[in-house]
Amino acid sequence: MEWLSSSLSPTFALKISPSKPSPMLSLPSPSFSCFAAAAAAAASPQQGSKTSSKAPKNLSLTIPTTTNTAKTNTTSSTDTSVPTKKVLVPIGLGTEEMEAVITVDVLRRAGAEVTMASVEPQLEIEASGGTRLVADTSISTCGGQIFDLIALPGGMPGAVRLRESEILKKIMSKQAEEKRLYGAICAAPAVTLLPWGLGRKKQITCHPAFVDKLPTFWAVKSNIQVSGELTTSRGPGTSFEFALCLVEQLFGESVAKEVGESLLMHSAHESLIKEEFNKVEWSFDHMPRVLIPIANGSEEIEVVTIVDVLRRAKVDVVVASVEKSVQVVASQGTKIIAEKLIRDASQSVYDLIILPGGVTGAERLQKSRILKKLLKEQEAAGRIYGAVCSSPLVLHKHGLLKEKRVTAHPSVISKLTNEVVNGTKVVVDGKVITSGGLATVTDFALAIVSKFFGNARARSVAEGLVYEYPRN
């Protein structure tokens, strides 16, 4: 199978605990033997190895088929004959937004009923990168429910806030005792699970910054680690793989494949990350200021990833709503609170304006007269602008892509009359930058960091994400 052969992090590896062998599904390349990889993992697990902050290179992807802890749906994510899978994703102050939102988004695409629950007294939380999210409910309402999966995002102090929730601790302990699926990513395996005693005698992985907190014998440095009902992962840059691994265990191969394709997980022959035309320098004598307009229906993966990555690079990012309220409901149901309304944001000048995608969101961005005026002024002043997913069509309809090479989501490419560059994740043409969206937005955001500050800054940000930055 080739559908995930060149996923967003080419370094993805999944290890299966030798104590609980299971049949395997291979996803990297036609020549890869998943059974051989599984046997190798069982025979010589990476125990007690030192982990650098860089993601390991040239490792392969294997995902376990569903065990008896979660019945497999191999027909369709929308098959009404299959019972709905219930998933809990707790969040708190300082939760890593990419890890929380990508996990929720991907699982909802697979057909899971996902509840994002706040462990704080209020539903609104500020995530580690400053994004403001609104949970669906309080963790106090979840105590009497049964979940097929509970997935803990990381981030600091988010992982600590999760650990300090007695209600969540009881829910997680019961989940583990009853051998239902649970997972944790980034800081959460070391900071949350281990103090609860839920990672004992299980091989687990976590963010490189916290690996020293893991018992040496049980620590591994694979990007994904499955040990019985527990799945762990390393960081924001492995969130897609983490979420798809959970989808595989809940619903089976066919649904994971379908979701992976919808996320634009590129095949091997589409591995080129960036192409640049009419190269110009994006240099400033001040910290770059970026505007990200959002609307009801904007794609939440794209919004939070671009914001998170740029803020990690110390870019001044402003998120502005084109709706009447600062709160929007994104395409997969995540509620995001912008810092400003677009009319207030329009009083300032921005070095870069980026439009996130989402079909409904792009339509609503296009209807904003204030945003259209801002974009027209941006072009007239020779400043930078860009779009991802379906939103390059917005730029096209506003006449802002004339004689520009671009890329976009496959569903809108045929509607663009200018030259489209296929087979690459990010296209830069002078002062216009575009991307296909979803699984390509990490590369898109890192390309912006590279244009602003150079490859060294982009590589440093990528290492913090546990995402491999290309050498060239």
Protein backbone atom coordinates (compact mmCIF):
# COMPACT_ATOMS: atom_id res chain seq x y z
CA MET A 1 0.00 0.00 0.00
CA GLU A 2 1.24 3.50 -0.89
CA TRP A 3 -1.35 5.79 0.67
CA LEU A 4 0.87 6.83 3.59
CA SER A 5 4.25 6.17 2.04
CA SER A 6 5.34 9.78 2.18
CA SER A 7 3.38 11.11 5.11
CA LEU A 8 3.96 14.54 6.61
CA SER A 9 6.68 13.25 8.86
CA PRO A 10 8.84 10.94 6.74
CA THR A 11 10.40 9.64 9.94
CA PHE A 12 7.30 7.92 11.30
CA ALA A 13 7.92 4.59 12.96
CA LEU A 14 5.59 2.45 14.96
CA LYS A 15 6.75 -0.24 17.36
CA ILE A 16 4.67 -3.04 18.80
CA SER A 17 5.42 -4.30 22.29
CA PRO A 18 6.88 -7.82 22.02
CA SER A 19 4.78 -8.88 24.99
CA LYS A 20 1.61 -8.67 22.91
CA PRO A 21 2.21 -9.59 19.26
CA SER A 22 -0.55 -8.79 16.79
CA PRO A 23 -1.10 -8.99 13.02
CA MET A 24 0.29 -5.99 11.23
CA LEU A 25 -0.66 -3.67 8.41
CA SER A 26 2.18 -2.12 6.40
CA LEU A 27 1.82 1.42 5.10
CA PRO A 28 5.16 2.74 3.89
CA SER A 29 6.06 1.42 0.45
CA PRO A 30 5.37 -1.54 -1.85
CA SER A 31 8.73 -3.12 -1.03
CA PHE A 32 8.34 -2.94 2.72
CA SER A 33 7.69 -6.15 4.66
CA CYS A 34 5.53 -5.30 7.64
CA PHE A 35 5.81 -8.81 9.04
CA ALA A 36 9.59 -8.62 8.99
CA ALA A 37 9.45 -5.24 10.72
CA ALA A 38 7.12 -6.57 13.37
CA ALA A 39 9.37 -9.55 13.96
CA ALA A 40 12.41 -7.30 14.20
CA ALA A 41 10.65 -5.04 16.67
CA ALA A 42 9.69 -8.01 18.80
CA ALA A 43 13.16 -9.53 18.67
CA SER A 44 15.16 -6.39 19.41
CA PRO A 45 13.12 -3.56 20.91
CA GLN A 46 14.82 -0.20 21.33
CA GLN A 47 15.18 -0.18 25.08
CA GLY A 48 17.21 2.24 27.09
CA SER A 49 18.44 4.08 24.03
CA LYS A 50 19.30 7.74 24.18
CA THR A 51 16.96 10.02 22.26
CA SER A 52 17.99 13.22 20.53
CA SER A 53 15.57 16.04 19.88
CA LYS A 54 15.65 15.18 16.19
CA ALA A 55 13.18 12.71 14.78
CA PRO A 56 14.76 9.38 13.78
CA LYS A 57 15.38 8.94 10.08
CA ASN A 58 14.31 6.28 7.59
CA LEU A 59 12.09 4.34 9.92
CA SER A 60 9.03 2.52 8.66
CA LEU A 61 5.35 2.71 9.41
CA THR A 62 3.36 -0.25 10.64
CA ILE A 63 -0.02 -0.13 12.31
CA PRO A 64 -1.58 -2.98 14.27
CA THR A 65 -4.93 -4.37 13.28
CA THR A 66 -7.60 -3.99 15.93
CA THR A 67 -7.37 -6.29 18.93
CA ASN A 68 -10.36 -7.60 20.85
CA THR A 69 -10.44 -4.40 22.89
CA ALA A 70 -12.17 -2.56 20.04
CA LYS A 71 -14.20 -4.27 17.35
CA THR A 72 -13.12 -3.43 13.83
CA ASN A 73 -15.35 -1.66 11.32
CA THR A 74 -13.91 -2.57 7.94
CA THR A 75 -16.77 -1.29 5.80
CA SER A 76 -17.25 2.45 6.12
CA SER A 77 -16.85 5.20 8.65
CA THR A 78 -20.48 6.11 8.04
CA ASP A 79 -21.96 2.61 8.21
CA THR A 80 -24.97 3.01 10.51
CA SER A 81 -25.00 -0.70 11.33
CA VAL A 82 -21.78 -0.35 13.29
CA PRO A 83 -22.07 1.08 16.83
CA THR A 84 -20.60 4.55 17.21
CA LYS A 85 -17.15 4.63 18.79
CA LYS A 86 -17.00 7.10 21.67
CA VAL A 87 -13.74 8.98 22.25
CA LEU A 88 -12.70 11.35 25.04
CA VAL A 89 -9.99 13.99 24.49
CA PRO A 90 -9.38 15.99 27.71
CA ILE A 91 -7.81 19.45 27.53
CA GLY A 92 -6.54 21.97 30.06
CA LEU A 93 -4.63 25.22 30.38
CA GLY A 94 -1.48 24.84 28.28
CA THR A 95 -2.59 21.81 26.25
CA GLU A 96 -0.69 21.56 22.96
CA GLU A 97 -3.26 22.72 20.41
CA MET A 98 -1.95 20.79 17.41
CA GLU A 99 -2.06 17.53 19.34
CA ALA A 100 -5.57 18.12 20.69
CA VAL A 101 -7.14 19.48 17.52
CA ILE A 102 -5.53 17.10 15.02
CA THR A 103 -6.51 14.11 17.16
CA VAL A 104 -10.11 15.32 17.45
CA ASP A 105 -10.37 16.28 13.78
CA VAL A 106 -8.98 13.02 12.42
CA LEU A 107 -11.09 10.82 14.71
CA ARG A 108 -14.25 12.74 13.80
CA ARG A 109 -13.44 12.29 10.11
CA ALA A 110 -13.29 8.55 10.80
CA GLY A 111 -16.80 8.62 12.25
CA ALA A 112 -16.01 8.64 15.98
CA GLU A 113 -18.15 10.56 18.44
CA VAL A 114 -15.44 12.68 20.02
CA THR A 115 -15.93 14.67 23.22
CA MET A 116 -13.38 17.39 24.01
CA ALA A 117 -13.65 17.87 27.78
CA SER A 118 -12.08 20.62 29.89
CA VAL A 119 -10.40 19.73 33.19
CA GLU A 120 -10.58 23.41 34.15
CA PRO A 121 -13.50 25.10 35.98
CA GLN A 122 -14.43 26.77 32.67
CA LEU A 123 -14.83 25.35 29.15
CA GLU A 124 -12.56 27.91 27.48
CA ILE A 125 -8.84 27.22 27.73
CA GLU A 126 -5.75 28.91 26.34
CA ALA A 127 -3.52 26.32 24.71
CA SER A 128 0.27 26.28 24.92
CA GLY A 129 0.71 28.33 21.73
CA GLY A 130 -1.92 30.88 22.70
CA THR A 131 -4.85 29.48 20.69
CA ARG A 132 -8.10 29.72 22.64
CA LEU A 133 -10.28 26.62 22.44
CA VAL A 134 -13.72 25.94 23.89
CA ALA A 135 -14.35 22.39 25.10
CA ASP A 136 -17.61 20.56 24.41
CA THR A 137 -18.18 19.82 28.08
CA SER A 138 -16.58 19.62 31.51
CA ILE A 139 -14.68 16.52 32.58
CA SER A 140 -17.14 16.25 35.48
CA THR A 141 -19.86 15.16 33.04
CA CYS A 142 -17.76 12.27 31.71
CA GLY A 143 -17.31 10.17 34.85
CA GLY A 144 -20.25 7.83 34.29
CA GLN A 145 -19.64 7.27 30.57
CA ILE A 146 -17.86 4.44 28.80
CA PHE A 147 -15.40 5.41 26.10
CA ASP A 148 -13.89 3.16 23.45
CA LEU A 149 -10.79 5.36 23.51
CA ILE A 150 -9.33 8.12 25.67
CA ALA A 151 -6.50 10.15 24.10
CA LEU A 152 -4.41 12.63 26.12
CA PRO A 153 -2.73 15.53 24.31
CA GLY A 154 0.51 16.90 25.71
CA GLY A 155 1.87 20.40 26.06
CA MET A 156 3.01 22.18 29.20
CA PRO A 157 1.53 22.95 31.59
CA GLY A 158 -1.34 21.09 29.92
CA ALA A 159 -0.04 17.64 30.83
CA VAL A 160 0.29 18.73 34.47
CA ARG A 161 -3.25 20.11 34.48
CA LEU A 162 -4.54 16.77 33.19
CA ARG A 163 -2.54 14.90 35.83
CA GLU A 164 -3.99 17.04 38.61
CA SER A 165 -7.58 16.21 37.64
CA GLU A 166 -8.81 13.54 40.05
CA ILE A 167 -11.88 12.92 37.91
CA LEU A 168 -9.75 12.27 34.83
CA LYS A 169 -7.42 10.03 36.84
CA LYS A 170 -10.36 7.84 37.88
CA ILE A 171 -11.71 7.71 34.34
CA MET A 172 -8.30 6.75 32.92
CA SER A 173 -7.61 4.16 35.60
CA LYS A 174 -10.94 2.48 34.89
CA GLN A 175 -10.22 2.60 31.16
CA ALA A 176 -6.93 0.77 31.68
CA GLU A 177 -8.38 -1.74 34.16
CA GLU A 178 -11.15 -2.68 31.74
CA LYS A 179 -8.61 -2.98 28.91
CA ARG A 180 -10.15 -0.39 26.63
CA LEU A 181 -7.98 1.69 24.34
CA TYR A 182 -6.12 4.73 25.66
CA GLY A 183 -3.29 6.88 24.38
CA ALA A 184 -1.04 9.84 25.17
CA ILE A 185 1.29 12.05 23.18
CA CYS A 186 4.19 14.44 23.80
CA ALA A 187 4.63 15.21 27.52
CA ALA A 188 1.51 13.29 28.59
CA PRO A 189 3.03 9.78 28.68
CA ALA A 190 5.76 10.88 31.11
CA VAL A 191 4.04 13.71 32.98
CA THR A 192 0.48 12.38 33.21
CA LEU A 193 0.33 8.61 32.72
CA LEU A 194 3.42 7.49 34.66
CA PRO A 195 2.53 9.28 37.93
CA TRP A 196 -0.87 7.56 37.69
CA GLY A 197 0.87 4.20 37.36
CA LEU A 198 -0.62 3.56 33.91
CA GLY A 199 2.60 3.20 31.97
CA ARG A 200 4.25 0.59 34.19
CA LYS A 201 5.81 -2.40 32.46
CA LYS A 202 4.80 -1.02 29.08
CA GLN A 203 7.11 0.21 26.38
CA ILE A 204 6.25 3.85 25.76
CA THR A 205 7.56 6.85 23.89
CA CYS A 206 7.17 10.58 24.49
CA HIS A 207 8.60 13.95 23.50
CA PRO A 208 12.43 13.94 23.55
CA ALA A 209 12.42 16.66 26.22
CA PHE A 210 10.70 14.28 28.67
CA VAL A 211 12.29 10.95 27.77
CA ASP A 212 14.56 11.10 30.82
CA LYS A 213 11.44 10.76 32.98
CA LEU A 214 10.65 7.35 31.48
CA PRO A 215 12.01 4.14 33.03
CA THR A 216 15.11 3.40 30.97
CA PHE A 217 14.25 -0.23 30.27
CA TRP A 218 10.77 0.60 28.92
CA ALA A 219 11.59 3.78 26.97
CA VAL A 220 11.66 3.62 23.18
CA LYS A 221 12.29 6.33 20.62
CA SER A 222 9.86 5.33 17.90
CA ASN A 223 7.41 8.02 16.84
CA ILE A 224 4.49 5.72 17.69
CA GLN A 225 4.51 2.92 20.27
CA VAL A 226 1.66 0.45 20.76
CA SER A 227 1.83 -1.63 23.93
CA GLY A 228 -1.37 -3.57 24.49
CA GLU A 229 -4.23 -1.10 24.80
CA LEU A 230 -1.83 1.85 25.23
CA THR A 231 -0.62 3.94 22.28
CA THR A 232 1.97 6.69 22.82
CA SER A 233 3.59 9.23 20.52
CA ARG A 234 6.20 11.98 20.55
CA GLY A 235 4.86 15.41 19.70
CA PRO A 236 2.93 17.83 17.49
CA GLY A 237 4.81 16.65 14.41
CA THR A 238 3.62 13.07 14.94
CA SER A 239 -0.01 13.96 15.72
CA PHE A 240 -1.39 12.83 12.36
CA GLU A 241 0.31 9.45 12.68
CA PHE A 242 -0.86 9.12 16.27
CA ALA A 243 -4.46 9.90 15.31
CA LEU A 244 -4.43 7.57 12.30
CA CYS A 245 -3.00 4.78 14.43
CA LEU A 246 -5.94 5.24 16.81
CA VAL A 247 -8.36 5.25 13.85
CA GLU A 248 -6.82 1.98 12.66
CA GLN A 249 -7.36 0.36 16.05
CA LEU A 250 -10.93 1.62 16.37
CA PHE A 251 -12.22 1.14 12.83
CA GLY A 252 -9.76 -0.95 10.82
CA GLU A 253 -7.62 -0.57 7.74
CA SER A 254 -10.20 0.60 5.21
CA VAL A 255 -11.34 3.56 7.31
CA ALA A 256 -7.75 4.54 8.20
CA LYS A 257 -6.85 4.43 4.50
CA GLU A 258 -9.86 6.53 3.55
CA VAL A 259 -9.14 9.13 6.21
CA GLY A 260 -5.44 9.21 5.35
CA GLU A 261 -6.27 9.95 1.72
CA SER A 262 -8.71 12.71 2.70
CA LEU A 263 -5.90 14.30 4.73
CA LEU A 264 -3.64 14.41 1.63
CA MET A 265 -1.09 11.97 3.00
CA HIS A 266 1.15 11.96 -0.04
CA SER A 267 2.38 8.90 -1.88
CA ALA A 268 6.06 8.33 -2.61
CA HIS A 269 6.06 9.98 -6.05
CA GLU A 270 4.62 13.20 -4.57
CA SER A 271 7.34 13.71 -1.99
CA LEU A 272 8.62 17.13 -3.14
CA ILE A 273 8.03 19.52 -0.25
CA LYS A 274 8.48 22.98 -1.80
CA GLU A 275 8.94 24.60 -5.19
CA GLU A 276 9.79 28.27 -5.52
CA PHE A 277 9.47 30.55 -8.54
CA ASN A 278 10.45 34.20 -9.09
CA LYS A 279 12.39 34.10 -5.84
CA VAL A 280 12.47 37.24 -3.72
CA GLU A 281 13.66 37.82 -0.17
CA TRP A 282 11.09 38.11 2.60
CA SER A 283 13.17 40.24 4.94
CA PHE A 284 12.07 42.73 7.59
CA ASP A 285 13.71 45.09 10.08
CA HIS A 286 11.05 44.10 12.63
CA MET A 287 9.29 40.99 13.88
CA PRO A 288 6.96 39.89 11.05
CA ARG A 289 3.26 40.40 11.73
CA VAL A 290 0.83 37.85 10.29
CA LEU A 291 -2.97 37.97 10.02
CA ILE A 292 -4.96 34.73 9.91
CA PRO A 293 -8.66 35.38 9.23
CA ILE A 294 -11.05 32.60 10.32
CA ALA A 295 -14.74 31.86 9.87
CA ASN A 296 -17.36 29.29 10.73
CA GLY A 297 -16.31 26.23 8.75
CA SER A 298 -12.58 27.04 8.61
CA GLU A 299 -10.45 23.90 8.78
CA GLU A 300 -9.24 23.72 12.39
CA ILE A 301 -6.15 21.65 11.62
CA GLU A 302 -4.91 24.39 9.31
CA VAL A 303 -5.72 27.25 11.67
CA VAL A 304 -4.06 25.83 14.78
CA THR A 305 -1.05 24.35 12.96
CA ILE A 306 -0.14 27.56 11.17
CA VAL A 307 -0.65 29.64 14.32
CA ASP A 308 1.29 27.21 16.52
CA VAL A 309 4.27 26.84 14.19
CA LEU A 310 4.60 30.57 13.49
CA ARG A 311 4.36 31.49 17.17
CA ARG A 312 7.04 28.93 17.99
CA ALA A 313 9.23 30.92 15.59
CA LYS A 314 8.33 34.11 17.54
CA VAL A 315 6.18 35.56 14.76
CA ASP A 316 3.51 38.05 15.85
CA VAL A 317 0.28 36.28 14.81
CA VAL A 318 -3.20 37.81 14.94
CA VAL A 319 -6.25 35.54 14.51
CA ALA A 320 -9.32 37.53 13.41
CA SER A 321 -12.91 36.39 12.92
CA VAL A 322 -14.90 37.51 9.88
CA GLU A 323 -18.08 36.53 11.75
CA LYS A 324 -20.11 38.76 14.09
CA SER A 325 -18.57 36.92 17.06
CA VAL A 326 -14.95 36.16 17.90
CA GLN A 327 -15.94 32.52 18.46
CA VAL A 328 -16.20 30.31 15.37
CA VAL A 329 -17.16 26.68 14.93
CA ALA A 330 -14.60 25.06 12.65
CA SER A 331 -15.29 22.44 9.98
CA GLN A 332 -15.07 19.41 12.28
CA GLY A 333 -16.84 21.07 15.22
CA THR A 334 -13.90 22.50 17.18
CA LYS A 335 -14.75 25.88 18.72
CA ILE A 336 -11.96 28.47 18.35
CA ILE A 337 -11.93 32.00 19.78
CA ALA A 338 -10.20 34.65 17.70
CA GLU A 339 -8.35 37.57 19.26
CA LYS A 340 -10.22 40.18 17.25
CA LEU A 341 -13.01 40.80 14.80
CA ILE A 342 -11.81 41.48 11.26
CA ARG A 343 -12.99 45.11 11.37
CA ASP A 344 -10.71 45.74 14.36
CA ALA A 345 -7.83 43.79 12.86
CA SER A 346 -8.11 45.80 9.63
CA GLN A 347 -6.81 48.89 11.40
CA SER A 348 -3.28 47.42 11.32
CA VAL A 349 -0.79 46.55 8.57
CA TYR A 350 0.42 42.97 8.18
CA ASP A 351 3.53 41.60 6.53
CA LEU A 352 1.65 38.43 5.59
CA ILE A 353 -2.03 37.43 5.37
CA ILE A 354 -2.81 33.69 5.28
CA LEU A 355 -6.21 32.23 4.46
CA PRO A 356 -6.94 28.80 5.99
CA GLY A 357 -9.18 26.41 4.08
CA GLY A 358 -12.32 24.42 4.73
CA VAL A 359 -15.03 24.59 2.06
CA THR A 360 -17.58 26.54 4.10
CA GLY A 361 -14.89 28.60 5.78
CA ALA A 362 -13.39 29.65 2.44
CA GLU A 363 -16.81 30.69 1.17
CA ARG A 364 -17.35 32.86 4.23
CA LEU A 365 -13.88 34.41 3.93
CA GLN A 366 -14.64 35.26 0.31
CA LYS A 367 -17.84 37.09 1.31
CA SER A 368 -16.03 39.38 3.77
CA ARG A 369 -15.73 42.81 2.16
CA ILE A 370 -13.29 43.95 4.82
CA LEU A 371 -10.99 41.00 4.15
CA LYS A 372 -11.22 41.52 0.39
CA LYS A 373 -10.15 45.17 0.86
CA LEU A 374 -7.25 44.07 3.09
CA LEU A 375 -6.08 41.53 0.51
CA LYS A 376 -6.30 44.04 -2.34
CA GLU A 377 -4.27 46.54 -0.31
CA GLN A 378 -1.78 43.79 0.52
CA GLU A 379 -1.15 43.12 -3.18
CA ALA A 380 -1.04 46.81 -4.13
CA ALA A 381 1.58 47.49 -1.43
CA GLY A 382 3.73 44.56 -2.55
CA ARG A 383 3.27 42.68 0.70
CA ILE A 384 2.97 38.91 1.09
CA TYR A 385 -0.20 36.82 1.10
CA GLY A 386 -1.11 33.16 0.77
CA ALA A 387 -3.71 30.48 1.19
CA VAL A 388 -4.09 26.76 1.79
CA CYS A 389 -6.58 24.03 0.92
CA SER A 390 -9.68 25.48 -0.81
CA SER A 391 -8.78 29.12 -0.09
CA PRO A 392 -6.46 29.71 -3.08
CA LEU A 393 -9.80 29.83 -4.92
CA VAL A 394 -10.69 32.89 -2.79
CA LEU A 395 -7.51 34.63 -3.93
CA HIS A 396 -8.26 33.60 -7.51
CA LYS A 397 -11.79 35.04 -7.43
CA HIS A 398 -10.42 38.29 -6.01
CA GLY A 399 -7.99 38.52 -8.93
CA LEU A 400 -4.92 38.04 -6.73
CA LEU A 401 -3.30 35.08 -8.50
CA LYS A 402 -2.70 36.55 -11.96
CA GLU A 403 0.40 35.03 -13.58
CA LYS A 404 1.16 33.15 -10.36
CA ARG A 405 2.04 29.48 -10.00
CA VAL A 406 0.06 27.89 -7.18
CA THR A 407 -1.21 24.69 -5.64
CA ALA A 408 -4.43 23.95 -3.76
CA HIS A 409 -6.67 21.18 -2.50
CA PRO A 410 -7.44 18.71 -5.31
CA SER A 411 -11.16 19.56 -5.08
CA VAL A 412 -10.61 23.16 -6.25
CA ILE A 413 -7.58 22.88 -8.55
CA SER A 414 -9.77 22.52 -11.65
CA LYS A 415 -11.42 25.87 -10.83
CA LEU A 416 -8.11 27.75 -10.96
CA THR A 417 -7.25 29.18 -14.37
CA ASN A 418 -3.64 30.04 -13.61
CA GLU A 419 -0.72 27.58 -13.70
CA VAL A 420 -1.09 24.84 -11.06
CA VAL A 421 2.00 23.02 -9.78
CA ASN A 422 1.24 19.38 -9.05
CA GLY A 423 3.22 16.90 -6.96
CA THR A 424 4.49 19.36 -4.37
CA LYS A 425 3.19 20.36 -0.94
CA VAL A 426 4.08 24.06 -0.97
CA VAL A 427 4.45 26.50 -3.85
CA VAL A 428 6.06 29.93 -3.47
CA ASP A 429 5.85 32.41 -6.35
CA GLY A 430 7.37 35.73 -5.44
CA LYS A 431 5.25 37.02 -2.58
CA VAL A 432 2.46 34.46 -2.86
CA ILE A 433 2.55 31.13 -1.01
CA THR A 434 0.01 28.29 -1.35
CA SER A 435 -0.43 24.71 -0.19
CA GLY A 436 -2.83 21.78 -0.54
CA GLY A 437 -3.82 22.01 3.13
CA LEU A 438 -4.45 19.53 5.96
CA ALA A 439 -1.42 17.21 6.15
CA THR A 440 0.70 19.70 4.18
CA VAL A 441 0.25 22.69 6.49
CA THR A 442 3.17 21.89 8.79
CA ASP A 443 5.48 22.09 5.78
CA PHE A 444 3.62 25.22 4.66
CA ALA A 445 4.15 26.95 8.01
CA LEU A 446 7.79 25.88 8.19
CA ALA A 447 8.33 27.23 4.67
CA ILE A 448 7.11 30.61 5.90
CA VAL A 449 9.48 30.44 8.88
CA SER A 450 12.32 29.62 6.50
CA LYS A 451 11.48 32.57 4.23
CA PHE A 452 11.25 34.92 7.21
CA PHE A 453 14.28 33.79 9.23
CA GLY A 454 16.23 31.15 7.31
CA ASN A 455 16.56 27.38 7.46
CA ALA A 456 18.24 27.30 10.88
CA ARG A 457 15.20 28.80 12.61
CA ALA A 458 12.83 26.54 10.67
CA ARG A 459 14.87 23.46 11.55
CA SER A 460 14.90 24.44 15.24
CA VAL A 461 11.10 24.80 15.25
CA ALA A 462 10.74 21.47 13.43
CA GLU A 463 12.89 19.71 16.04
CA GLY A 464 10.66 21.03 18.81
CA LEU A 465 7.67 19.63 16.92
CA VAL A 466 9.47 16.28 16.43
CA TYR A 467 9.11 16.79 12.69
CA GLU A 468 11.96 16.22 10.27
CA TYR A 469 13.02 19.32 8.41
CA PRO A 470 14.48 18.64 4.94
CA ARG A 471 18.24 18.97 4.61
CA ASN A 472 17.96 20.80 1.30
